């Protein structure tokens, strides 16, 4: 019985490796191999590059994106917590309140540093 369970897991692990790798290998085997100068050029939104291609962005944009990501992940954790709110007990409610409090402190810190100012 235990062997059947592991065989089932092994089967799905093999499928999990083959399913994404098969199209990549197949495209490499049967795909066209002609290299032309047009294909070797850098493609940026259909506009030919003029001048220096190195443009330095402000760090604020990256921090703004990371802050967005933190609150996006927060929703992933809070949705199941909200669905099971009636069944989790006082320990679950306390853990949720601590989690939201930490994220609120992070929001205040980002706000004080000016990360949320878009200029």
Protein backbone atom coordinates (compact mmCIF):
# COMPACT_ATOMS: atom_id res chain seq x y z
CA UNK A 1 0.00 0.00 0.00
CA UNK A 2 2.79 2.45 0.91
CA UNK A 3 4.66 1.58 -2.29
CA UNK A 4 1.59 2.47 -4.34
CA UNK A 5 1.48 5.92 -2.76
CA UNK A 6 5.14 6.58 -3.54
CA UNK A 7 4.68 5.22 -7.06
CA UNK A 8 1.82 7.68 -7.54
CA UNK A 9 3.98 10.58 -6.27
CA UNK A 10 6.88 9.46 -8.49
CA UNK A 11 4.57 9.33 -11.51
CA UNK A 12 3.44 12.92 -10.91
CA UNK A 13 7.02 14.10 -10.40
CA UNK A 14 7.99 12.61 -13.76
CA UNK A 15 4.98 14.29 -15.38
CA UNK A 16 5.89 17.58 -13.65
CA UNK A 17 9.35 17.47 -15.25
CA UNK A 18 8.26 16.25 -18.68
CA UNK A 19 5.29 18.56 -19.19
CA UNK A 20 7.20 21.87 -19.17
CA UNK A 21 10.41 20.52 -20.71
CA UNK A 22 8.81 18.72 -23.67
CA UNK A 23 7.73 21.88 -25.58
CA UNK A 24 11.14 23.49 -25.03
CA UNK A 25 13.00 20.44 -26.34
CA UNK A 26 10.53 19.99 -29.20
CA UNK A 27 10.91 23.64 -30.27
CA UNK A 28 14.69 23.26 -30.25
CA UNK A 29 14.55 20.12 -32.38
CA UNK A 30 12.00 21.09 -35.02
CA UNK A 31 12.33 24.90 -34.94
CA UNK A 32 13.92 26.87 -37.80
CA UNK A 33 17.65 27.41 -37.53
CA UNK A 34 18.25 30.29 -39.97
CA UNK A 35 20.08 33.20 -38.40
CA UNK A 36 19.78 36.54 -40.17
CA UNK A 37 21.17 39.97 -39.23
CA UNK A 38 17.63 41.19 -38.55
CA UNK A 39 17.07 38.43 -35.99
CA UNK A 40 20.35 39.28 -34.25
CA UNK A 41 19.32 42.90 -33.60
CA UNK A 42 18.05 44.00 -30.23
CA UNK A 43 14.27 44.42 -30.19
CA UNK A 44 12.86 47.13 -27.96
CA UNK A 45 9.20 47.92 -28.60
CA UNK A 46 9.70 48.11 -32.36
CA UNK A 47 11.69 51.35 -32.14
CA UNK A 48 15.30 51.41 -33.23
CA UNK A 49 17.65 52.44 -30.46
CA UNK A 50 19.17 55.89 -30.79
CA UNK A 51 22.09 56.89 -28.62
CA UNK A 52 23.24 55.15 -25.49
CA UNK A 53 21.05 52.20 -24.45
CA UNK A 54 22.15 52.36 -20.80
CA UNK A 55 19.54 54.31 -18.88
CA UNK A 56 19.77 54.47 -15.12
CA UNK A 57 16.47 54.35 -13.22
CA UNK A 58 15.84 55.74 -9.78
CA UNK A 59 16.00 53.21 -6.97
CA UNK A 60 12.64 54.53 -5.79
CA UNK A 61 10.87 52.68 -8.62
CA UNK A 62 12.30 49.36 -7.46
CA UNK A 63 11.41 50.02 -3.83
CA UNK A 64 7.89 51.01 -4.89
CA UNK A 65 7.61 47.71 -6.79
CA UNK A 66 8.88 45.71 -3.83
CA UNK A 67 6.40 47.46 -1.54
CA UNK A 68 3.62 46.56 -3.95
CA UNK A 69 4.83 42.95 -3.96
CA UNK A 70 4.77 42.81 -0.15
CA UNK A 71 1.14 43.90 -0.05
CA UNK A 72 0.25 41.63 -2.95
CA UNK A 73 1.61 38.63 -1.04
CA UNK A 74 -0.28 39.85 2.01
CA UNK A 75 -3.56 39.25 0.18
CA UNK A 76 -2.51 35.66 -0.56
CA UNK A 77 -2.09 35.02 3.16
CA UNK A 78 -5.07 37.02 4.37
CA UNK A 79 -7.68 35.53 2.03
CA UNK A 80 -7.66 32.00 3.56
CA UNK A 81 -7.44 33.56 7.02
CA UNK A 82 -10.57 35.62 6.32
CA UNK A 83 -12.43 32.62 4.88
CA UNK A 84 -11.70 30.48 7.96
CA UNK A 85 -12.07 33.35 10.45
CA UNK A 86 -14.90 31.68 12.37
CA UNK A 87 -13.02 28.39 12.84
CA UNK A 88 -9.47 29.46 13.70
CA UNK A 89 -9.91 30.40 17.34
CA UNK A 90 -8.18 33.08 19.36
CA UNK A 91 -4.66 31.94 18.39
CA UNK A 92 -5.46 32.33 14.69
CA UNK A 93 -7.04 35.73 15.22
CA UNK A 94 -4.01 36.87 17.23
CA UNK A 95 -1.61 35.62 14.54
CA UNK A 96 -3.60 37.48 11.89
CA UNK A 97 -3.59 40.68 13.91
CA UNK A 98 0.19 40.42 14.45
CA UNK A 99 0.70 39.81 10.72
CA UNK A 100 -1.41 42.81 9.71
CA UNK A 101 0.30 44.95 12.36
CA UNK A 102 3.76 44.12 10.98
CA UNK A 103 2.61 45.01 7.49
CA UNK A 104 1.05 48.24 8.75
CA UNK A 105 4.36 49.19 10.38
CA UNK A 106 6.10 48.46 7.06
CA UNK A 107 3.60 50.71 5.29
CA UNK A 108 4.23 53.53 7.76
CA UNK A 109 8.00 53.14 7.39
CA UNK A 110 7.73 53.26 3.59
CA UNK A 111 5.45 56.28 3.82
CA UNK A 112 7.85 58.14 6.14
CA UNK A 113 10.80 57.44 3.83
CA UNK A 114 8.86 58.86 0.88
CA UNK A 115 8.76 55.62 -1.09
CA UNK A 116 5.12 56.10 -1.97
CA UNK A 117 5.71 59.55 -3.44
CA UNK A 118 5.68 59.23 -7.21
CA UNK A 119 7.68 62.12 -8.65
